[in-house]
Amino acid sequence: MLTNLDDEYLLIKESDYLSLTEFIKCNRSEATVALAEEMRKAKVLADEGFPDNVVSLNATVDFFDPELSKESKVTLVLPWQADLTKRKVSILSPVGCALIGLRTGKRINWPLLNGKTRTLDIVGVSQMQKRKIRSRA
């Protein structure tokens, strides 16, 4: 299981919390149980004024792997939006579940299939910009 190496609470947008809670209720699996456990650690904040440097749904995350000296980028999405060819990672994937709610500068351990663990540092978060709706006057 991926672990957040920081004992601080996670932050989650209210809209993400409501959507994910409803999704978890309707889709029980090992992955949703793990996500529910992560969400129990979270402090829920209003969407308005949510910090830009915190990973949320549809945020793009830049992370650095110190062992490989390599930076990578993924976007955290709902399961049906996942597409690894476009670097879109499901919230239900082990790395997606571990990333939600983390701030820039935090670190996670990512267990690999071969039994080893890799450390990832969150170096940047970009929030998806909401489209502005223009009223016709």
N, C-alpha and C. Protein backbone atom coordinates (compact mmCIF):
# COMPACT_ATOMS: atom_id res chain seq x y z
N MET A 1 0.84 -1.18 0.00
CA MET A 1 0.00 0.00 0.00
C MET A 1 0.88 1.24 0.00
N LEU A 2 0.52 2.20 -0.76
CA LEU A 2 1.23 3.47 -0.77
C LEU A 2 1.04 4.16 0.55
N THR A 3 2.07 4.81 1.01
CA THR A 3 1.93 5.52 2.27
C THR A 3 2.39 6.95 2.14
N ASN A 4 1.68 7.82 2.81
CA ASN A 4 2.04 9.22 2.92
C ASN A 4 3.06 9.29 4.05
N LEU A 5 4.23 9.82 3.79
CA LEU A 5 5.28 9.83 4.79
C LEU A 5 5.17 11.02 5.73
N ASP A 6 4.04 11.64 5.77
CA ASP A 6 3.83 12.81 6.60
C ASP A 6 2.60 12.56 7.46
N ASP A 7 2.70 12.85 8.73
CA ASP A 7 1.57 12.60 9.63
C ASP A 7 0.51 13.69 9.56
N GLU A 8 0.76 14.75 8.81
CA GLU A 8 -0.23 15.81 8.69
C GLU A 8 -1.47 15.29 7.98
N TYR A 9 -2.59 15.94 8.25
CA TYR A 9 -3.83 15.56 7.60
C TYR A 9 -3.78 15.92 6.11
N LEU A 10 -4.59 15.22 5.35
CA LEU A 10 -4.74 15.51 3.93
C LEU A 10 -5.82 16.56 3.77
N LEU A 11 -5.81 17.25 2.65
CA LEU A 11 -6.86 18.22 2.33
C LEU A 11 -7.63 17.72 1.12
N ILE A 12 -8.94 17.88 1.14
CA ILE A 12 -9.75 17.45 0.01
C ILE A 12 -10.84 18.48 -0.25
N LYS A 13 -11.09 18.73 -1.53
CA LYS A 13 -12.16 19.65 -1.92
C LYS A 13 -13.50 19.05 -1.53
N GLU A 14 -14.41 19.91 -1.11
CA GLU A 14 -15.74 19.44 -0.73
C GLU A 14 -16.42 18.71 -1.88
N SER A 15 -16.32 19.24 -3.10
CA SER A 15 -16.97 18.59 -4.24
C SER A 15 -16.34 17.22 -4.52
N ASP A 16 -15.02 17.10 -4.38
CA ASP A 16 -14.37 15.80 -4.56
C ASP A 16 -14.82 14.83 -3.47
N TYR A 17 -14.89 15.31 -2.24
CA TYR A 17 -15.31 14.47 -1.12
C TYR A 17 -16.72 13.92 -1.35
N LEU A 18 -17.63 14.79 -1.75
CA LEU A 18 -19.02 14.36 -1.98
C LEU A 18 -19.10 13.36 -3.13
N SER A 19 -18.42 13.65 -4.24
CA SER A 19 -18.43 12.75 -5.40
C SER A 19 -17.82 11.39 -5.06
N LEU A 20 -16.68 11.42 -4.40
CA LEU A 20 -15.99 10.18 -4.10
C LEU A 20 -16.72 9.36 -3.03
N THR A 21 -17.32 10.02 -2.06
CA THR A 21 -18.09 9.31 -1.04
C THR A 21 -19.26 8.58 -1.68
N GLU A 22 -19.95 9.24 -2.58
CA GLU A 22 -21.08 8.61 -3.28
C GLU A 22 -20.58 7.44 -4.15
N PHE A 23 -19.46 7.64 -4.83
CA PHE A 23 -18.88 6.59 -5.67
C PHE A 23 -18.52 5.37 -4.82
N ILE A 24 -17.91 5.60 -3.66
CA ILE A 24 -17.50 4.51 -2.77
C ILE A 24 -18.71 3.73 -2.27
N LYS A 25 -19.79 4.42 -1.93
CA LYS A 25 -21.01 3.75 -1.46
C LYS A 25 -21.57 2.79 -2.51
N CYS A 26 -21.44 3.17 -3.77
CA CYS A 26 -22.02 2.38 -4.87
C CYS A 26 -21.07 1.34 -5.45
N ASN A 27 -19.80 1.40 -5.11
CA ASN A 27 -18.79 0.54 -5.73
C ASN A 27 -17.81 0.03 -4.68
N ARG A 28 -18.20 -0.98 -3.92
CA ARG A 28 -17.32 -1.51 -2.89
C ARG A 28 -16.30 -2.47 -3.49
N SER A 29 -15.03 -2.19 -3.22
CA SER A 29 -13.93 -3.04 -3.66
C SER A 29 -12.74 -2.75 -2.75
N GLU A 30 -11.66 -3.51 -2.93
CA GLU A 30 -10.44 -3.22 -2.16
C GLU A 30 -9.97 -1.80 -2.42
N ALA A 31 -10.05 -1.38 -3.66
CA ALA A 31 -9.58 -0.04 -4.02
C ALA A 31 -10.43 1.05 -3.38
N THR A 32 -11.75 0.88 -3.35
CA THR A 32 -12.59 1.91 -2.75
C THR A 32 -12.45 1.91 -1.23
N VAL A 33 -12.19 0.75 -0.64
CA VAL A 33 -11.94 0.70 0.80
C VAL A 33 -10.66 1.47 1.12
N ALA A 34 -9.62 1.28 0.31
CA ALA A 34 -8.36 2.01 0.51
C ALA A 34 -8.58 3.52 0.36
N LEU A 35 -9.36 3.90 -0.64
CA LEU A 35 -9.66 5.32 -0.85
C LEU A 35 -10.45 5.88 0.33
N ALA A 36 -11.42 5.13 0.81
CA ALA A 36 -12.21 5.58 1.97
C ALA A 36 -11.31 5.79 3.18
N GLU A 37 -10.34 4.91 3.36
CA GLU A 37 -9.39 5.05 4.47
C GLU A 37 -8.58 6.34 4.33
N GLU A 38 -8.11 6.64 3.13
CA GLU A 38 -7.37 7.89 2.91
C GLU A 38 -8.27 9.10 3.19
N MET A 39 -9.51 9.02 2.74
CA MET A 39 -10.43 10.15 2.91
C MET A 39 -10.78 10.39 4.38
N ARG A 40 -10.72 9.32 5.20
CA ARG A 40 -10.98 9.51 6.64
C ARG A 40 -9.90 10.38 7.29
N LYS A 41 -8.72 10.41 6.69
CA LYS A 41 -7.61 11.22 7.21
C LYS A 41 -7.71 12.68 6.76
N ALA A 42 -8.65 12.97 5.90
CA ALA A 42 -8.68 14.27 5.23
C ALA A 42 -9.49 15.32 5.98
N LYS A 43 -9.07 16.54 5.79
CA LYS A 43 -9.83 17.70 6.23
C LYS A 43 -10.52 18.24 4.98
N VAL A 44 -11.85 18.33 5.02
CA VAL A 44 -12.63 18.77 3.85
C VAL A 44 -12.72 20.30 3.86
N LEU A 45 -12.35 20.90 2.71
CA LEU A 45 -12.39 22.35 2.56
C LEU A 45 -13.33 22.73 1.41
N ALA A 46 -13.92 23.89 1.51
CA ALA A 46 -14.77 24.41 0.43
C ALA A 46 -13.94 24.53 -0.85
N ASP A 47 -14.58 24.31 -1.99
CA ASP A 47 -13.89 24.42 -3.27
C ASP A 47 -13.33 25.83 -3.47
N GLU A 48 -14.14 26.81 -3.12
CA GLU A 48 -13.72 28.21 -3.25
C GLU A 48 -12.56 28.45 -2.29
N GLY A 49 -11.45 28.85 -2.81
CA GLY A 49 -10.29 29.12 -1.98
C GLY A 49 -9.45 27.89 -1.66
N PHE A 50 -9.76 26.75 -2.29
CA PHE A 50 -8.97 25.54 -2.06
C PHE A 50 -7.54 25.81 -2.53
N PRO A 51 -6.53 25.44 -1.74
CA PRO A 51 -5.15 25.74 -2.11
C PRO A 51 -4.76 25.14 -3.46
N ASP A 52 -4.10 25.92 -4.29
CA ASP A 52 -3.67 25.46 -5.61
C ASP A 52 -2.59 24.39 -5.56
N ASN A 53 -1.86 24.31 -4.44
CA ASN A 53 -0.74 23.37 -4.36
C ASN A 53 -1.12 22.02 -3.75
N VAL A 54 -2.42 21.73 -3.70
CA VAL A 54 -2.90 20.46 -3.13
C VAL A 54 -3.51 19.61 -4.24
N VAL A 55 -3.18 18.33 -4.26
CA VAL A 55 -3.68 17.41 -5.29
C VAL A 55 -5.17 17.16 -5.08
N SER A 56 -5.93 17.37 -6.15
CA SER A 56 -7.37 17.10 -6.15
C SER A 56 -7.71 16.39 -7.45
N LEU A 57 -8.96 15.98 -7.60
CA LEU A 57 -9.37 15.38 -8.87
C LEU A 57 -9.13 16.37 -10.00
N ASN A 58 -8.67 15.88 -11.11
CA ASN A 58 -8.37 16.64 -12.32
C ASN A 58 -7.17 17.56 -12.19
N ALA A 59 -6.42 17.44 -11.11
CA ALA A 59 -5.18 18.20 -10.97
C ALA A 59 -4.05 17.42 -11.65
N THR A 60 -3.10 18.16 -12.20
CA THR A 60 -1.91 17.55 -12.77
C THR A 60 -0.80 17.64 -11.73
N VAL A 61 -0.15 16.52 -11.49
CA VAL A 61 0.85 16.42 -10.43
C VAL A 61 2.21 16.15 -11.06
N ASP A 62 3.19 16.96 -10.69
CA ASP A 62 4.58 16.72 -11.07
C ASP A 62 5.26 16.07 -9.87
N PHE A 63 5.89 14.92 -10.09
CA PHE A 63 6.59 14.28 -8.99
C PHE A 63 7.98 13.85 -9.45
N PHE A 64 8.88 13.77 -8.49
CA PHE A 64 10.28 13.45 -8.75
C PHE A 64 10.62 12.14 -8.06
N ASP A 65 11.27 11.25 -8.82
CA ASP A 65 11.75 9.99 -8.28
C ASP A 65 13.25 10.15 -8.04
N PRO A 66 13.69 10.31 -6.77
CA PRO A 66 15.10 10.55 -6.51
C PRO A 66 16.00 9.38 -6.91
N GLU A 67 15.48 8.16 -6.84
CA GLU A 67 16.30 7.00 -7.20
C GLU A 67 16.63 7.00 -8.69
N LEU A 68 15.67 7.38 -9.52
CA LEU A 68 15.89 7.41 -10.97
C LEU A 68 16.31 8.79 -11.47
N SER A 69 16.31 9.79 -10.58
CA SER A 69 16.57 11.18 -10.96
C SER A 69 15.69 11.59 -12.13
N LYS A 70 14.40 11.26 -12.02
CA LYS A 70 13.47 11.50 -13.12
C LYS A 70 12.21 12.18 -12.60
N GLU A 71 11.77 13.19 -13.35
CA GLU A 71 10.51 13.85 -13.02
C GLU A 71 9.43 13.34 -13.97
N SER A 72 8.24 13.10 -13.43
CA SER A 72 7.11 12.64 -14.23
C SER A 72 5.89 13.48 -13.89
N LYS A 73 4.88 13.36 -14.74
CA LYS A 73 3.66 14.14 -14.57
C LYS A 73 2.47 13.24 -14.84
N VAL A 74 1.44 13.32 -13.97
CA VAL A 74 0.19 12.60 -14.17
C VAL A 74 -0.97 13.51 -13.80
N THR A 75 -2.14 13.20 -14.35
CA THR A 75 -3.36 13.90 -13.98
C THR A 75 -4.25 12.90 -13.25
N LEU A 76 -4.77 13.31 -12.09
CA LEU A 76 -5.60 12.44 -11.27
C LEU A 76 -7.06 12.55 -11.70
N VAL A 77 -7.66 11.41 -12.09
CA VAL A 77 -9.01 11.42 -12.66
C VAL A 77 -9.88 10.32 -12.04
N LEU A 78 -11.16 10.37 -12.34
CA LEU A 78 -12.09 9.31 -11.94
C LEU A 78 -11.78 8.05 -12.76
N PRO A 79 -12.15 6.87 -12.26
CA PRO A 79 -11.76 5.62 -12.92
C PRO A 79 -12.09 5.54 -14.40
N TRP A 80 -13.26 5.97 -14.80
CA TRP A 80 -13.67 5.84 -16.20
C TRP A 80 -12.98 6.86 -17.11
N GLN A 81 -12.23 7.80 -16.53
CA GLN A 81 -11.48 8.79 -17.32
C GLN A 81 -10.01 8.40 -17.46
N ALA A 82 -9.58 7.35 -16.76
CA ALA A 82 -8.17 6.96 -16.76
C ALA A 82 -7.72 6.55 -18.16
N ASP A 83 -6.50 6.98 -18.51
CA ASP A 83 -5.90 6.65 -19.80
C ASP A 83 -4.40 6.84 -19.65
N LEU A 84 -3.69 5.74 -19.43
CA LEU A 84 -2.26 5.83 -19.17
C LEU A 84 -1.48 6.41 -20.34
N THR A 85 -1.99 6.25 -21.57
CA THR A 85 -1.29 6.82 -22.72
C THR A 85 -1.31 8.35 -22.67
N LYS A 86 -2.28 8.90 -21.95
CA LYS A 86 -2.38 10.36 -21.77
C LYS A 86 -1.95 10.79 -20.37
N ARG A 87 -1.35 9.84 -19.63
CA ARG A 87 -0.87 10.10 -18.26
C ARG A 87 -2.00 10.49 -17.31
N LYS A 88 -3.20 9.93 -17.55
CA LYS A 88 -4.35 10.15 -16.67
C LYS A 88 -4.49 8.93 -15.77
N VAL A 89 -4.31 9.14 -14.47
CA VAL A 89 -4.26 8.06 -13.49
C VAL A 89 -5.54 8.05 -12.66
N SER A 90 -6.12 6.87 -12.50
CA SER A 90 -7.35 6.72 -11.72
C SER A 90 -7.12 7.00 -10.24
N ILE A 91 -8.08 7.64 -9.62
CA ILE A 91 -8.08 7.86 -8.17
C ILE A 91 -8.04 6.52 -7.43
N LEU A 92 -8.52 5.45 -8.08
CA LEU A 92 -8.54 4.12 -7.44
C LEU A 92 -7.24 3.35 -7.61
N SER A 93 -6.32 3.85 -8.43
CA SER A 93 -5.02 3.18 -8.54
C SER A 93 -4.24 3.44 -7.25
N PRO A 94 -3.29 2.58 -6.92
CA PRO A 94 -2.52 2.81 -5.69
C PRO A 94 -1.87 4.20 -5.63
N VAL A 95 -1.28 4.64 -6.74
CA VAL A 95 -0.63 5.96 -6.71
C VAL A 95 -1.67 7.07 -6.67
N GLY A 96 -2.80 6.90 -7.36
CA GLY A 96 -3.86 7.91 -7.34
C GLY A 96 -4.43 8.09 -5.95
N CYS A 97 -4.68 6.98 -5.28
CA CYS A 97 -5.22 7.01 -3.92
C CYS A 97 -4.25 7.70 -2.96
N ALA A 98 -2.96 7.48 -3.16
CA ALA A 98 -1.96 8.08 -2.28
C ALA A 98 -1.74 9.56 -2.56
N LEU A 99 -1.98 9.99 -3.79
CA LEU A 99 -1.71 11.39 -4.15
C LEU A 99 -2.79 12.36 -3.68
N ILE A 100 -4.05 11.92 -3.65
CA ILE A 100 -5.15 12.84 -3.33
C ILE A 100 -4.90 13.51 -1.98
N GLY A 101 -5.02 14.82 -1.97
CA GLY A 101 -4.91 15.58 -0.73
C GLY A 101 -3.52 16.00 -0.31
N LEU A 102 -2.49 15.55 -1.06
CA LEU A 102 -1.12 15.92 -0.69
C LEU A 102 -0.75 17.29 -1.26
N ARG A 103 0.15 17.95 -0.57
CA ARG A 103 0.62 19.27 -0.98
C ARG A 103 1.97 19.16 -1.68
N THR A 104 2.30 20.16 -2.46
CA THR A 104 3.64 20.26 -3.04
C THR A 104 4.65 20.18 -1.90
N GLY A 105 5.72 19.43 -2.11
CA GLY A 105 6.76 19.28 -1.10
C GLY A 105 6.62 18.03 -0.25
N LYS A 106 5.51 17.31 -0.38
CA LYS A 106 5.30 16.09 0.41
C LYS A 106 5.89 14.89 -0.32
N ARG A 107 5.99 13.78 0.39
CA ARG A 107 6.63 12.57 -0.12
C ARG A 107 5.74 11.36 0.16
N ILE A 108 5.74 10.41 -0.78
CA ILE A 108 5.03 9.14 -0.58
C ILE A 108 5.96 7.98 -0.91
N ASN A 109 5.67 6.82 -0.33
CA ASN A 109 6.32 5.57 -0.71
C ASN A 109 5.38 4.82 -1.63
N TRP A 110 5.91 4.33 -2.74
CA TRP A 110 5.12 3.62 -3.73
C TRP A 110 5.66 2.20 -3.86
N PRO A 111 4.93 1.17 -3.37
CA PRO A 111 5.40 -0.20 -3.50
C PRO A 111 5.26 -0.69 -4.94
N LEU A 112 6.30 -1.28 -5.45
CA LEU A 112 6.31 -1.80 -6.82
C LEU A 112 5.91 -3.27 -6.83
N LEU A 113 5.57 -3.78 -8.00
CA LEU A 113 5.14 -5.18 -8.12
C LEU A 113 6.25 -6.16 -7.74
N ASN A 114 7.51 -5.74 -7.88
CA ASN A 114 8.63 -6.62 -7.55
C ASN A 114 8.95 -6.65 -6.05
N GLY A 115 8.11 -5.99 -5.24
CA GLY A 115 8.31 -5.98 -3.80
C GLY A 115 9.14 -4.83 -3.27
N LYS A 116 9.79 -4.11 -4.17
CA LYS A 116 10.58 -2.95 -3.75
C LYS A 116 9.66 -1.75 -3.56
N THR A 117 10.20 -0.73 -2.93
CA THR A 117 9.44 0.49 -2.71
C THR A 117 10.18 1.66 -3.35
N ARG A 118 9.44 2.53 -3.94
CA ARG A 118 10.02 3.73 -4.56
C ARG A 118 9.47 4.96 -3.84
N THR A 119 10.32 5.94 -3.62
CA THR A 119 9.92 7.19 -2.99
C THR A 119 9.65 8.23 -4.08
N LEU A 120 8.54 8.94 -3.94
CA LEU A 120 8.19 10.00 -4.89
C LEU A 120 7.98 11.29 -4.13
N ASP A 121 8.57 12.37 -4.63
CA ASP A 121 8.40 13.70 -4.05
C ASP A 121 7.46 14.51 -4.93
N ILE A 122 6.44 15.12 -4.32
CA ILE A 122 5.51 15.98 -5.06
C ILE A 122 6.20 17.32 -5.26
N VAL A 123 6.47 17.69 -6.52
CA VAL A 123 7.20 18.94 -6.78
C VAL A 123 6.32 20.02 -7.39
N GLY A 124 5.12 19.66 -7.83
CA GLY A 124 4.23 20.68 -8.38
C GLY A 124 2.82 20.14 -8.57
N VAL A 125 1.85 21.04 -8.47
CA VAL A 125 0.44 20.70 -8.68
C VAL A 125 -0.18 21.81 -9.50
N SER A 126 -0.86 21.44 -10.57
CA SER A 126 -1.59 22.40 -11.41
C SER A 126 -3.06 22.02 -11.40
N GLN A 127 -3.90 22.93 -10.96
CA GLN A 127 -5.34 22.68 -10.92
C GLN A 127 -5.94 22.92 -12.30
N MET A 128 -6.93 22.10 -12.65
CA MET A 128 -7.66 22.32 -13.90
C MET A 128 -8.43 23.63 -13.75
N GLN A 129 -8.31 24.47 -14.73
CA GLN A 129 -9.02 25.75 -14.68
C GLN A 129 -10.46 25.55 -15.10
N LYS A 130 -11.36 26.12 -14.31
CA LYS A 130 -12.78 26.06 -14.68
C LYS A 130 -13.01 27.02 -15.82
N ARG A 131 -13.83 26.58 -16.75
CA ARG A 131 -14.17 27.47 -17.86
C ARG A 131 -15.09 28.57 -17.35
N LYS A 132 -14.78 29.76 -17.77
CA LYS A 132 -15.62 30.88 -17.39
C LYS A 132 -16.80 30.95 -18.35
N ILE A 133 -17.97 31.07 -17.79
CA ILE A 133 -19.18 31.16 -18.61
C ILE A 133 -19.51 32.64 -18.77
N ARG A 134 -19.61 33.05 -20.00
CA ARG A 134 -19.91 34.45 -20.27
C ARG A 134 -21.40 34.60 -20.49
N SER A 135 -21.94 35.58 -19.86
CA SER A 135 -23.37 35.84 -20.07
C SER A 135 -23.54 36.74 -21.28
N ARG A 136 -24.61 36.52 -21.96
CA ARG A 136 -24.90 37.37 -23.12
C ARG A 136 -25.71 38.56 -22.66
N ALA A 137 -25.24 39.71 -23.01
CA ALA A 137 -25.96 40.92 -22.58
C ALA A 137 -26.70 41.55 -23.73
